[in-house]
Amino acid sequence: QVHLVESGGGLVQPGGSLTLSCVASGNTHPFYAMGWYRQAPGKARELVAEVISNRHTRYADSVKGRFTISGDSGEGTMNLQMNSLAPEDTAVYYCNVALVVSTGMTEYWGRGTQVTVSS
């Protein structure tokens, strides 16, 4: 199976920047989709940004203009550059990948990395 490992989380002051990284192992085919999700206490997990077919991108309205997703679907690596961070961005961030399989689509998740924005 595909195994995902996130890194780069930590504590940052409001207005600061942070970059998250995710590396996949066990993948033998390019990913159809790669994305970052986050979940804050008391809230549902939400999509932050995603890349489809290694070219089409989509961002949550709350992060547009501040976050940038990048990666390589063949290598199985992805990054999330986060700028102008605010306390509302505090959450556990998860990387996610999707692959096309004979039965349709399958997804894999990382364990998550904590991002805390506080002064």
PDB file of N, CA and C in Angstrom:
ATOM      1  N   GLN A   1       0.835  -1.202   0.000  1.00  0.00           N
ATOM      2  CA  GLN A   1       0.000   0.000   0.000  1.00  0.00           C
ATOM      3  C   GLN A   1       0.869   1.250   0.000  1.00  0.00           C
ATOM      4  N   VAL A   2       0.243   2.362  -0.377  1.00  0.00           N
ATOM      5  CA  VAL A   2       0.923   3.644  -0.366  1.00  0.00           C
ATOM      6  C   VAL A   2       1.001   4.158   1.067  1.00  0.00           C
ATOM      7  N   HIS A   3       2.164   4.684   1.441  1.00  0.00           N
ATOM      8  CA  HIS A   3       2.374   5.246   2.761  1.00  0.00           C
ATOM      9  C   HIS A   3       2.779   6.705   2.611  1.00  0.00           C
ATOM     10  N   LEU A   4       2.103   7.586   3.342  1.00  0.00           N
ATOM     11  CA  LEU A   4       2.348   9.016   3.266  1.00  0.00           C
ATOM     12  C   LEU A   4       2.896   9.536   4.584  1.00  0.00           C
ATOM     13  N   VAL A   5       3.891  10.412   4.505  1.00  0.00           N
ATOM     14  CA  VAL A   5       4.488  11.016   5.683  1.00  0.00           C
ATOM     15  C   VAL A   5       4.556  12.519   5.500  1.00  0.00           C
ATOM     16  N   GLU A   6       3.913  13.253   6.418  1.00  0.00           N
ATOM     17  CA  GLU A   6       3.944  14.716   6.390  1.00  0.00           C
ATOM     18  C   GLU A   6       5.063  15.239   7.284  1.00  0.00           C
ATOM     19  N   SER A   7       5.517  16.448   6.985  1.00  0.00           N
ATOM     20  CA  SER A   7       6.506  17.113   7.807  1.00  0.00           C
ATOM     21  C   SER A   7       6.380  18.618   7.616  1.00  0.00           C
ATOM     22  N   GLY A   8       6.979  19.373   8.518  1.00  0.00           N
ATOM     23  CA  GLY A   8       7.002  20.819   8.390  1.00  0.00           C
ATOM     24  C   GLY A   8       6.073  21.566   9.320  1.00  0.00           C
ATOM     25  N   GLY A   9       5.235  20.862  10.057  1.00  0.00           N
ATOM     26  CA  GLY A   9       4.333  21.529  10.980  1.00  0.00           C
ATOM     27  C   GLY A   9       5.076  22.107  12.162  1.00  0.00           C
ATOM     28  N   GLY A  10       4.407  23.002  12.878  1.00  0.00           N
ATOM     29  CA  GLY A  10       5.018  23.615  14.037  1.00  0.00           C
ATOM     30  C   GLY A  10       4.276  24.852  14.474  1.00  0.00           C
ATOM     31  N   LEU A  11       4.946  25.654  15.284  1.00  0.00           N
ATOM     32  CA  LEU A  11       4.385  26.891  15.818  1.00  0.00           C
ATOM     33  C   LEU A  11       4.907  28.078  15.026  1.00  0.00           C
ATOM     34  N   VAL A  12       3.998  28.949  14.616  1.00  0.00           N
ATOM     35  CA  VAL A  12       4.378  30.133  13.857  1.00  0.00           C
ATOM     36  C   VAL A  12       3.525  31.313  14.321  1.00  0.00           C
ATOM     37  N   GLN A  13       4.086  32.511  14.272  1.00  0.00           N
ATOM     38  CA  GLN A  13       3.358  33.711  14.675  1.00  0.00           C
ATOM     39  C   GLN A  13       2.398  34.170  13.583  1.00  0.00           C
ATOM     40  N   PRO A  14       1.319  34.850  13.960  1.00  0.00           N
ATOM     41  CA  PRO A  14       0.400  35.395  12.950  1.00  0.00           C
ATOM     42  C   PRO A  14       1.146  36.256  11.941  1.00  0.00           C
ATOM     43  N   GLY A  15       0.807  36.093  10.665  1.00  0.00           N
ATOM     44  CA  GLY A  15       1.481  36.812   9.603  1.00  0.00           C
ATOM     45  C   GLY A  15       2.698  36.100   9.065  1.00  0.00           C
ATOM     46  N   GLY A  16       3.104  35.048   9.719  1.00  0.00           N
ATOM     47  CA  GLY A  16       4.275  34.301   9.306  1.00  0.00           C
ATOM     48  C   GLY A  16       3.976  33.291   8.218  1.00  0.00           C
ATOM     49  N   SER A  17       5.004  32.540   7.853  1.00  0.00           N
ATOM     50  CA  SER A  17       4.896  31.548   6.792  1.00  0.00           C
ATOM     51  C   SER A  17       5.397  30.194   7.260  1.00  0.00           C
ATOM     52  N   LEU A  18       4.896  29.168   6.608  1.00  0.00           N
ATOM     53  CA  LEU A  18       5.285  27.803   6.932  1.00  0.00           C
ATOM     54  C   LEU A  18       5.080  26.943   5.690  1.00  0.00           C
ATOM     55  N   THR A  19       5.948  25.971   5.491  1.00  0.00           N
ATOM     56  CA  THR A  19       5.822  25.061   4.361  1.00  0.00           C
ATOM     57  C   THR A  19       5.682  23.629   4.850  1.00  0.00           C
ATOM     58  N   LEU A  20       4.638  22.969   4.390  1.00  0.00           N
ATOM     59  CA  LEU A  20       4.413  21.569   4.710  1.00  0.00           C
ATOM     60  C   LEU A  20       4.846  20.702   3.537  1.00  0.00           C
ATOM     61  N   SER A  21       5.362  19.517   3.840  1.00  0.00           N
ATOM     62  CA  SER A  21       5.788  18.592   2.801  1.00  0.00           C
ATOM     63  C   SER A  21       5.192  17.219   3.055  1.00  0.00           C
ATOM     64  N   CYS A  22       4.984  16.481   1.984  1.00  0.00           N
ATOM     65  CA  CYS A  22       4.466  15.126   2.077  1.00  0.00           C
ATOM     66  C   CYS A  22       5.208  14.259   1.076  1.00  0.00           C
ATOM     67  N   VAL A  23       5.662  13.109   1.536  1.00  0.00           N
ATOM     68  CA  VAL A  23       6.389  12.179   0.683  1.00  0.00           C
ATOM     69  C   VAL A  23       5.686  10.828   0.711  1.00  0.00           C
ATOM     70  N   ALA A  24       5.447  10.264  -0.463  1.00  0.00           N
ATOM     71  CA  ALA A  24       4.786   8.976  -0.578  1.00  0.00           C
ATOM     72  C   ALA A  24       5.797   7.874  -0.863  1.00  0.00           C
ATOM     73  N   SER A  25       5.490   6.691  -0.392  1.00  0.00           N
ATOM     74  CA  SER A  25       6.295   5.516  -0.688  1.00  0.00           C
ATOM     75  C   SER A  25       5.358   4.366  -1.040  1.00  0.00           C
ATOM     76  N   GLY A  26       5.853   3.433  -1.818  1.00  0.00           N
ATOM     77  CA  GLY A  26       5.036   2.305  -2.215  1.00  0.00           C
ATOM     78  C   GLY A  26       4.161   2.570  -3.426  1.00  0.00           C
ATOM     79  N   ASN A  27       4.288   3.749  -4.010  1.00  0.00           N
ATOM     80  CA  ASN A  27       3.494   4.085  -5.179  1.00  0.00           C
ATOM     81  C   ASN A  27       4.208   3.623  -6.446  1.00  0.00           C
ATOM     82  N   THR A  28       3.457   2.988  -7.338  1.00  0.00           N
ATOM     83  CA  THR A  28       4.011   2.489  -8.598  1.00  0.00           C
ATOM     84  C   THR A  28       3.428   3.196  -9.817  1.00  0.00           C
ATOM     85  N   HIS A  29       2.430   4.027  -9.600  1.00  0.00           N
ATOM     86  CA  HIS A  29       1.809   4.791 -10.673  1.00  0.00           C
ATOM     87  C   HIS A  29       1.649   6.243 -10.243  1.00  0.00           C
ATOM     88  N   PRO A  30       1.625   7.163 -11.202  1.00  0.00           N
ATOM     89  CA  PRO A  30       1.381   8.564 -10.853  1.00  0.00           C
ATOM     90  C   PRO A  30       0.026   8.730 -10.182  1.00  0.00           C
ATOM     91  N   PHE A  31      -0.055   9.644  -9.229  1.00  0.00           N
ATOM     92  CA  PHE A  31      -1.313   9.901  -8.554  1.00  0.00           C
ATOM     93  C   PHE A  31      -2.240  10.710  -9.446  1.00  0.00           C
ATOM     94  N   TYR A  32      -3.524  10.354  -9.416  1.00  0.00           N
ATOM     95  CA  TYR A  32      -4.524  11.114 -10.152  1.00  0.00           C
ATOM     96  C   TYR A  32      -4.764  12.462  -9.474  1.00  0.00           C
ATOM     97  N   ALA A  33      -4.751  12.463  -8.165  1.00  0.00           N
ATOM     98  CA  ALA A  33      -4.988  13.685  -7.416  1.00  0.00           C
ATOM     99  C   ALA A  33      -4.133  13.703  -6.156  1.00  0.00           C
ATOM    100  N   MET A  34      -3.738  14.899  -5.753  1.00  0.00           N
ATOM    101  CA  MET A  34      -2.996  15.114  -4.523  1.00  0.00           C
ATOM    102  C   MET A  34      -3.619  16.312  -3.821  1.00  0.00           C
ATOM    103  N   GLY A  35      -3.707  16.245  -2.518  1.00  0.00           N
ATOM    104  CA  GLY A  35      -4.332  17.348  -1.815  1.00  0.00           C
ATOM    105  C   GLY A  35      -3.934  17.448  -0.359  1.00  0.00           C
ATOM    106  N   TRP A  36      -4.268  18.589   0.222  1.00  0.00           N
ATOM    107  CA  TRP A  36      -4.067  18.851   1.635  1.00  0.00           C
ATOM    108  C   TRP A  36      -5.417  19.138   2.276  1.00  0.00           C
ATOM    109  N   TYR A  37      -5.676  18.518   3.407  1.00  0.00           N
ATOM    110  CA  TYR A  37      -6.866  18.738   4.202  1.00  0.00           C
ATOM    111  C   TYR A  37      -6.441  19.189   5.591  1.00  0.00           C
ATOM    112  N   ARG A  38      -7.376  19.768   6.332  1.00  0.00           N
ATOM    113  CA  ARG A  38      -7.076  20.149   7.701  1.00  0.00           C
ATOM    114  C   ARG A  38      -8.309  19.962   8.565  1.00  0.00           C
ATOM    115  N   GLN A  39      -8.070  19.763   9.860  1.00  0.00           N
ATOM    116  CA  GLN A  39      -9.154  19.595  10.806  1.00  0.00           C
ATOM    117  C   GLN A  39      -8.800  20.307  12.108  1.00  0.00           C
ATOM    118  N   ALA A  40      -9.623  21.269  12.480  1.00  0.00           N
ATOM    119  CA  ALA A  40      -9.466  21.999  13.728  1.00  0.00           C
ATOM    120  C   ALA A  40     -10.369  21.371  14.785  1.00  0.00           C
ATOM    121  N   PRO A  41     -10.056  21.567  16.069  1.00  0.00           N
ATOM    122  CA  PRO A  41     -10.890  21.006  17.133  1.00  0.00           C
ATOM    123  C   PRO A  41     -12.347  21.440  17.003  1.00  0.00           C
ATOM    124  N   GLY A  42     -13.258  20.479  17.068  1.00  0.00           N
ATOM    125  CA  GLY A  42     -14.677  20.781  16.984  1.00  0.00           C
ATOM    126  C   GLY A  42     -15.194  21.031  15.592  1.00  0.00           C
ATOM    127  N   LYS A  43     -14.345  20.887  14.591  1.00  0.00           N
ATOM    128  CA  LYS A  43     -14.756  21.116  13.217  1.00  0.00           C
ATOM    129  C   LYS A  43     -14.516  19.884  12.362  1.00  0.00           C
ATOM    130  N   ALA A  44     -15.226  19.810  11.254  1.00  0.00           N
ATOM    131  CA  ALA A  44     -15.055  18.710  10.323  1.00  0.00           C
ATOM    132  C   ALA A  44     -13.805  18.907   9.483  1.00  0.00           C
ATOM    133  N   ARG A  45     -13.264  17.814   9.001  1.00  0.00           N
ATOM    134  CA  ARG A  45     -12.108  17.902   8.127  1.00  0.00           C
ATOM    135  C   ARG A  45     -12.522  18.581   6.820  1.00  0.00           C
ATOM    136  N   GLU A  46     -11.694  19.507   6.344  1.00  0.00           N
ATOM    137  CA  GLU A  46     -12.022  20.253   5.152  1.00  0.00           C
ATOM    138  C   GLU A  46     -10.868  20.254   4.158  1.00  0.00           C
ATOM    139  N   LEU A  47     -11.220  20.367   2.895  1.00  0.00           N
ATOM    140  CA  LEU A  47     -10.222  20.457   1.839  1.00  0.00           C
ATOM    141  C   LEU A  47      -9.573  21.834   1.871  1.00  0.00           C
ATOM    142  N   VAL A  48      -8.253  21.867   1.838  1.00  0.00           N
ATOM    143  CA  VAL A  48      -7.505  23.117   1.793  1.00  0.00           C
ATOM    144  C   VAL A  48      -7.088  23.429   0.361  1.00  0.00           C
ATOM    145  N   ALA A  49      -6.475  22.468  -0.299  1.00  0.00           N
ATOM    146  CA  ALA A  49      -6.018  22.642  -1.671  1.00  0.00           C
ATOM    147  C   ALA A  49      -5.814  21.279  -2.305  1.00  0.00           C
ATOM    148  N   GLU A  50      -5.982  21.200  -3.605  1.00  0.00           N
ATOM    149  CA  GLU A  50      -5.768  19.950  -4.312  1.00  0.00           C
ATOM    150  C   GLU A  50      -5.282  20.198  -5.729  1.00  0.00           C
ATOM    151  N   VAL A  51      -4.622  19.193  -6.280  1.00  0.00           N
ATOM    152  CA  VAL A  51      -4.157  19.212  -7.661  1.00  0.00           C
ATOM    153  C   VAL A  51      -4.710  17.974  -8.344  1.00  0.00           C
ATOM    154  N   ILE A  52      -5.374  18.168  -9.472  1.00  0.00           N
ATOM    155  CA  ILE A  52      -5.949  17.080 -10.246  1.00  0.00           C
ATOM    156  C   ILE A  52      -5.179  16.934 -11.550  1.00  0.00           C
ATOM    157  N   SER A  53      -4.814  15.690 -11.883  1.00  0.00           N
ATOM    158  CA  SER A  53      -4.096  15.383 -13.124  1.00  0.00           C
ATOM    159  C   SER A  53      -2.826  16.202 -13.271  1.00  0.00           C
ATOM    160  N   ASN A  54      -2.229  16.559 -12.162  1.00  0.00           N
ATOM    161  CA  ASN A  54      -0.951  17.258 -12.124  1.00  0.00           C
ATOM    162  C   ASN A  54      -0.974  18.638 -12.764  1.00  0.00           C
ATOM    163  N   ARG A  55      -2.171  19.226 -12.905  1.00  0.00           N
ATOM    164  CA  ARG A  55      -2.240  20.543 -13.522  1.00  0.00           C
ATOM    165  C   ARG A  55      -3.393  21.404 -13.037  1.00  0.00           C
ATOM    166  N   HIS A  56      -4.534  20.832 -12.696  1.00  0.00           N
ATOM    167  CA  HIS A  56      -5.682  21.606 -12.262  1.00  0.00           C
ATOM    168  C   HIS A  56      -5.663  21.750 -10.743  1.00  0.00           C
ATOM    169  N   THR A  57      -5.810  22.967 -10.276  1.00  0.00           N
ATOM    170  CA  THR A  57      -5.754  23.227  -8.843  1.00  0.00           C
ATOM    171  C   THR A  57      -7.045  23.856  -8.336  1.00  0.00           C
ATOM    172  N   ARG A  58      -7.323  23.634  -7.056  1.00  0.00           N
ATOM    173  CA  ARG A  58      -8.480  24.224  -6.410  1.00  0.00           C
ATOM    174  C   ARG A  58      -8.117  24.524  -4.962  1.00  0.00           C
ATOM    175  N   TYR A  59      -8.562  25.679  -4.478  1.00  0.00           N
ATOM    176  CA  TYR A  59      -8.288  26.094  -3.115  1.00  0.00           C
ATOM    177  C   TYR A  59      -9.576  26.428  -2.378  1.00  0.00           C
ATOM    178  N   ALA A  60      -9.567  26.212  -1.085  1.00  0.00           N
ATOM    179  CA  ALA A  60     -10.669  26.682  -0.258  1.00  0.00           C
ATOM    180  C   ALA A  60     -10.677  28.207  -0.279  1.00  0.00           C
ATOM    181  N   ASP A  61     -11.858  28.798  -0.228  1.00  0.00           N
ATOM    182  CA  ASP A  61     -11.959  30.253  -0.268  1.00  0.00           C
ATOM    183  C   ASP A  61     -11.152  30.916   0.846  1.00  0.00           C
ATOM    184  N   SER A  62     -11.071  30.268   1.980  1.00  0.00           N
ATOM    185  CA  SER A  62     -10.396  30.843   3.135  1.00  0.00           C
ATOM    186  C   SER A  62      -8.884  30.944   2.976  1.00  0.00           C
ATOM    187  N   VAL A  63      -8.310  30.228   2.006  1.00  0.00           N
ATOM    188  CA  VAL A  63      -6.857  30.238   1.842  1.00  0.00           C
ATOM    189  C   VAL A  63      -6.413  30.783   0.501  1.00  0.00           C
ATOM    190  N   LYS A  64      -7.343  31.129  -0.370  1.00  0.00           N
ATOM    191  CA  LYS A  64      -6.991  31.653  -1.682  1.00  0.00           C
ATOM    192  C   LYS A  64      -6.125  32.906  -1.548  1.00  0.00           C
ATOM    193  N   GLY A  65      -5.050  32.938  -2.326  1.00  0.00           N
ATOM    194  CA  GLY A  65      -4.144  34.071  -2.288  1.00  0.00           C
ATOM    195  C   GLY A  65      -3.092  33.979  -1.212  1.00  0.00           C
ATOM    196  N   ARG A  66      -3.232  33.021  -0.301  1.00  0.00           N
ATOM    197  CA  ARG A  66      -2.273  32.870   0.792  1.00  0.00           C
ATOM    198  C   ARG A  66      -1.504  31.549   0.723  1.00  0.00           C
ATOM    199  N   PHE A  67      -2.169  30.494   0.277  1.00  0.00           N
ATOM    200  CA  PHE A  67      -1.560  29.163   0.221  1.00  0.00           C
ATOM    201  C   PHE A  67      -1.290  28.764  -1.226  1.00  0.00           C
ATOM    202  N   THR A  68      -0.243  27.992  -1.435  1.00  0.00           N
ATOM    203  CA  THR A  68       0.091  27.480  -2.758  1.00  0.00           C
ATOM    204  C   THR A  68       0.456  26.006  -2.661  1.00  0.00           C
ATOM    205  N   ILE A  69      -0.220  25.180  -3.449  1.00  0.00           N
ATOM    206  CA  ILE A  69       0.073  23.759  -3.471  1.00  0.00           C
ATOM    207  C   ILE A  69       0.954  23.446  -4.674  1.00  0.00           C
ATOM    208  N   SER A  70       1.890  22.541  -4.492  1.00  0.00           N
ATOM    209  CA  SER A  70       2.761  22.113  -5.575  1.00  0.00           C
ATOM    210  C   SER A  70       3.172  20.676  -5.327  1.00  0.00           C
ATOM    211  N   GLY A  71       3.694  20.033  -6.362  1.00  0.00           N
ATOM    212  CA  GLY A  71       4.130  18.661  -6.194  1.00  0.00           C
ATOM    213  C   GLY A  71       4.370  17.979  -7.512  1.00  0.00           C
ATOM    214  N   ASP A  72       4.695  16.710  -7.426  1.00  0.00           N
ATOM    215  CA  ASP A  72       4.953  15.880  -8.590  1.00  0.00           C
ATOM    216  C   ASP A  72       4.193  14.572  -8.396  1.00  0.00           C
ATOM    217  N   SER A  73       3.184  14.348  -9.228  1.00  0.00           N
ATOM    218  CA  SER A  73       2.357  13.150  -9.085  1.00  0.00           C
ATOM    219  C   SER A  73       3.119  11.872  -9.408  1.00  0.00           C
ATOM    220  N   GLY A  74       4.177  11.984 -10.203  1.00  0.00           N
ATOM    221  CA  GLY A  74       4.990  10.825 -10.530  1.00  0.00           C
ATOM    222  C   GLY A  74       5.923  10.449  -9.393  1.00  0.00           C
ATOM    223  N   GLU A  75       6.569  11.438  -8.796  1.00  0.00           N
ATOM    224  CA  GLU A  75       7.459  11.202  -7.664  1.00  0.00           C
ATOM    225  C   GLU A  75       6.685  10.896  -6.390  1.00  0.00           C
ATOM    226  N   GLY A  76       5.462  11.399  -6.305  1.00  0.00           N
ATOM    227  CA  GLY A  76       4.673  11.213  -5.107  1.00  0.00           C
ATOM    228  C   GLY A  76       5.077  12.168  -4.002  1.00  0.00           C
ATOM    229  N   THR A  77       5.389  13.399  -4.373  1.00  0.00           N
ATOM    230  CA  THR A  77       5.755  14.421  -3.402  1.00  0.00           C
ATOM    231  C   THR A  77       4.846  15.624  -3.575  1.00  0.00           C
ATOM    232  N   MET A  78       4.558  16.313  -2.483  1.00  0.00           N
ATOM    233  CA  MET A  78       3.741  17.507  -2.549  1.00  0.00           C
ATOM    234  C   MET A  78       4.112  18.453  -1.420  1.00  0.00           C
ATOM    235  N   ASN A  79       3.860  19.732  -1.651  1.00  0.00           N
ATOM    236  CA  ASN A  79       4.153  20.763  -0.673  1.00  0.00           C
ATOM    237  C   ASN A  79       2.973  21.716  -0.555  1.00  0.00           C
ATOM    238  N   LEU A  80       2.890  22.379   0.576  1.00  0.00           N
ATOM    239  CA  LEU A  80       1.894  23.416   0.789  1.00  0.00           C
ATOM    240  C   LEU A  80       2.607  24.610   1.391  1.00  0.00           C
ATOM    241  N   GLN A  81       2.772  25.661   0.588  1.00  0.00           N
ATOM    242  CA  GLN A  81       3.382  26.895   1.057  1.00  0.00           C
ATOM    243  C   GLN A  81       2.282  27.762   1.645  1.00  0.00           C
ATOM    244  N   MET A  82       2.401  28.097   2.917  1.00  0.00           N
ATOM    245  CA  MET A  82       1.387  28.870   3.619  1.00  0.00           C
ATOM    246  C   MET A  82       1.970  30.217   4.036  1.00  0.00           C
ATOM    247  N   ASN A  83       1.346  31.279   3.568  1.00  0.00           N
ATOM    248  CA  ASN A  83       1.769  32.634   3.884  1.00  0.00           C
ATOM    249  C   ASN A  83       0.650  33.383   4.605  1.00  0.00           C
ATOM    250  N   SER A  84       1.008  34.474   5.247  1.00  0.00           N
ATOM    251  CA  SER A  84       0.045  35.312   5.962  1.00  0.00           C
ATOM    252  C   SER A  84      -0.841  34.487   6.881  1.00  0.00           C
ATOM    253  N   LEU A  85      -0.225  33.627   7.646  1.00  0.00           N
ATOM    254  CA  LEU A  85      -0.966  32.721   8.511  1.00  0.00           C
ATOM    255  C   LEU A  85      -1.702  33.464   9.620  1.00  0.00           C
ATOM    256  N   ALA A  86      -2.875  32.953   9.961  1.00  0.00           N
ATOM    257  CA  ALA A  86      -3.720  33.517  10.994  1.00  0.00           C
ATOM    258  C   ALA A  86      -4.101  32.429  11.989  1.00  0.00           C
ATOM    259  N   PRO A  87      -4.529  32.809  13.194  1.00  0.00           N
ATOM    260  CA  PRO A  87      -4.926  31.805  14.188  1.00  0.00           C
ATOM    261  C   PRO A  87      -5.984  30.831  13.672  1.00  0.00           C
ATOM    262  N   GLU A  88      -6.845  31.286  12.766  1.00  0.00           N
ATOM    263  CA  GLU A  88      -7.878  30.418  12.206  1.00  0.00           C
ATOM    264  C   GLU A  88      -7.304  29.270  11.382  1.00  0.00           C
ATOM    265  N   ASP A  89      -6.038  29.357  11.016  1.00  0.00           N
ATOM    266  CA  ASP A  89      -5.391  28.296  10.252  1.00  0.00           C
ATOM    267  C   ASP A  89      -4.877  27.174  11.144  1.00  0.00           C
ATOM    268  N   THR A  90      -4.970  27.346  12.438  1.00  0.00           N
ATOM    269  CA  THR A  90      -4.515  26.323  13.375  1.00  0.00           C
ATOM    270  C   THR A  90      -5.336  25.050  13.203  1.00  0.00           C
ATOM    271  N   ALA A  91      -4.662  23.945  12.940  1.00  0.00           N
ATOM    272  CA  ALA A  91      -5.337  22.675  12.698  1.00  0.00           C
ATOM    273  C   ALA A  91      -4.295  21.590  12.486  1.00  0.00           C
ATOM    274  N   VAL A  92      -4.774  20.360  12.432  1.00  0.00           N
ATOM    275  CA  VAL A  92      -3.942  19.254  11.987  1.00  0.00           C
ATOM    276  C   VAL A  92      -4.095  19.163  10.479  1.00  0.00           C
ATOM    277  N   TYR A  93      -2.990  19.181   9.780  1.00  0.00           N
ATOM    278  CA  TYR A  93      -3.003  19.138   8.326  1.00  0.00           C
ATOM    279  C   TYR A  93      -2.629  17.745   7.839  1.00  0.00           C
ATOM    280  N   TYR A  94      -3.420  17.225   6.897  1.00  0.00           N
ATOM    281  CA  TYR A  94      -3.232  15.887   6.362  1.00  0.00           C
ATOM    282  C   TYR A  94      -2.984  15.941   4.859  1.00  0.00           C
ATOM    283  N   CYS A  95      -2.052  15.124   4.382  1.00  0.00           N
ATOM    284  CA  CYS A  95      -1.905  14.987   2.942  1.00  0.00           C
ATOM    285  C   CYS A  95      -2.725  13.797   2.473  1.00  0.00           C
ATOM    286  N   ASN A  96      -3.196  13.879   1.254  1.00  0.00           N
ATOM    287  CA  ASN A  96      -4.084  12.879   0.687  1.00  0.00           C
ATOM    288  C   ASN A  96      -3.733  12.663  -0.780  1.00  0.00           C
ATOM    289  N   VAL A  97      -3.799  11.419  -1.220  1.00  0.00           N
ATOM    290  CA  VAL A  97      -3.583  11.108  -2.628  1.00  0.00           C
ATOM    291  C   VAL A  97      -4.674  10.166  -3.099  1.00  0.00           C
ATOM    292  N   ALA A  98      -4.976  10.233  -4.388  1.00  0.00           N
ATOM    293  CA  ALA A  98      -5.967   9.366  -4.994  1.00  0.00           C
ATOM    294  C   ALA A  98      -5.378   8.708  -6.234  1.00  0.00           C
ATOM    295  N   LEU A  99      -5.707   7.444  -6.409  1.00  0.00           N
ATOM    296  CA  LEU A  99      -5.242   6.689  -7.561  1.00  0.00           C
ATOM    297  C   LEU A  99      -6.415   6.040  -8.269  1.00  0.00           C
ATOM    298  N   VAL A 100      -6.308   5.930  -9.576  1.00  0.00           N
ATOM    299  CA  VAL A 100      -7.311   5.223 -10.359  1.00  0.00           C
ATOM    300  C   VAL A 100      -6.979   3.736 -10.323  1.00  0.00           C
ATOM    301  N   VAL A 101      -7.936   2.933  -9.919  1.00  0.00           N
ATOM    302  CA  VAL A 101      -7.760   1.489  -9.855  1.00  0.00           C
ATOM    303  C   VAL A 101      -8.876   0.825 -10.647  1.00  0.00           C
ATOM    304  N   SER A 102      -8.797  -0.497 -10.774  1.00  0.00           N
ATOM    305  CA  SER A 102      -9.775  -1.222 -11.579  1.00  0.00           C
ATOM    306  C   SER A 102     -11.198  -1.073 -11.059  1.00  0.00           C
ATOM    307  N   THR A 103     -11.342  -0.872  -9.765  1.00  0.00           N
ATOM    308  CA  THR A 103     -12.662  -0.749  -9.164  1.00  0.00           C
ATOM    309  C   THR A 103     -13.149   0.687  -9.072  1.00  0.00           C
ATOM    310  N   GLY A 104     -12.334   1.625  -9.511  1.00  0.00           N
ATOM    311  CA  GLY A 104     -12.718   3.028  -9.468  1.00  0.00           C
ATOM    312  C   GLY A 104     -11.603   3.928  -8.974  1.00  0.00           C
ATOM    313  N   MET A 105     -11.715   4.377  -7.733  1.00  0.00           N
ATOM    314  CA  MET A 105     -10.741   5.284  -7.153  1.00  0.00           C
ATOM    315  C   MET A 105     -10.441   4.860  -5.719  1.00  0.00           C
ATOM    316  N   THR A 106      -9.179   4.966  -5.330  1.00  0.00           N
ATOM    317  CA  THR A 106      -8.797   4.669  -3.957  1.00  0.00           C
ATOM    318  C   THR A 106      -7.965   5.817  -3.407  1.00  0.00           C
ATOM    319  N   GLU A 107      -8.055   6.051  -2.110  1.00  0.00           N
ATOM    320  CA  GLU A 107      -7.373   7.159  -1.458  1.00  0.00           C
ATOM    321  C   GLU A 107      -6.496   6.679  -0.311  1.00  0.00           C
ATOM    322  N   TYR A 108      -5.443   7.460  -0.024  1.00  0.00           N
ATOM    323  CA  TYR A 108      -4.562   7.199   1.103  1.00  0.00           C
ATOM    324  C   TYR A 108      -4.336   8.495   1.861  1.00  0.00           C
ATOM    325  N   TRP A 109      -4.162   8.375   3.175  1.00  0.00           N
ATOM    326  CA  TRP A 109      -3.986   9.528   4.051  1.00  0.00           C
ATOM    327  C   TRP A 109      -2.721   9.415   4.881  1.00  0.00           C
ATOM    328  N   GLY A 110      -2.108  10.560   5.164  1.00  0.00           N
ATOM    329  CA  GLY A 110      -1.018  10.606   6.107  1.00  0.00           C
ATOM    330  C   GLY A 110      -1.574  10.710   7.518  1.00  0.00           C
ATOM    331  N   ARG A 111      -0.700  10.640   8.517  1.00  0.00           N
ATOM    332  CA  ARG A 111      -1.138  10.722   9.904  1.00  0.00           C
ATOM    333  C   ARG A 111      -1.423  12.145  10.351  1.00  0.00           C
ATOM    334  N   GLY A 112      -0.913  13.123   9.623  1.00  0.00           N
ATOM    335  CA  GLY A 112      -1.165  14.517   9.931  1.00  0.00           C
ATOM    336  C   GLY A 112      -0.010  15.190  10.648  1.00  0.00           C
ATOM    337  N   THR A 113       0.045  16.505  10.520  1.00  0.00           N
ATOM    338  CA  THR A 113       1.047  17.307  11.203  1.00  0.00           C
ATOM    339  C   THR A 113       0.368  18.551  11.771  1.00  0.00           C
ATOM    340  N   GLN A 114       0.699  18.890  13.007  1.00  0.00           N
ATOM    341  CA  GLN A 114       0.055  20.006  13.694  1.00  0.00           C
ATOM    342  C   GLN A 114       0.644  21.340  13.270  1.00  0.00           C
ATOM    343  N   VAL A 115      -0.234  22.276  12.928  1.00  0.00           N
ATOM    344  CA  VAL A 115       0.151  23.651  12.640  1.00  0.00           C
ATOM    345  C   VAL A 115      -0.555  24.550  13.645  1.00  0.00           C
ATOM    346  N   THR A 116       0.212  25.320  14.395  1.00  0.00           N
ATOM    347  CA  THR A 116      -0.352  26.224  15.387  1.00  0.00           C
ATOM    348  C   THR A 116       0.104  27.642  15.093  1.00  0.00           C
ATOM    349  N   VAL A 117      -0.857  28.538  14.920  1.00  0.00           N
ATOM    350  CA  VAL A 117      -0.569  29.945  14.647  1.00  0.00           C
ATOM    351  C   VAL A 117      -0.962  30.740  15.881  1.00  0.00           C
ATOM    352  N   SER A 118       0.022  31.263  16.578  1.00  0.00           N
ATOM    353  CA  SER A 118      -0.234  31.976  17.825  1.00  0.00           C
ATOM    354  C   SER A 118       0.925  32.909  18.138  1.00  0.00           C
ATOM    355  N   SER A 119       0.607  34.014  18.816  1.00  0.00           N
ATOM    356  CA  SER A 119       1.630  34.951  19.245  1.00  0.00           C
ATOM    357  C   SER A 119       2.114  34.637  20.652  1.00  0.00           C
TER     358      SER A 119
END
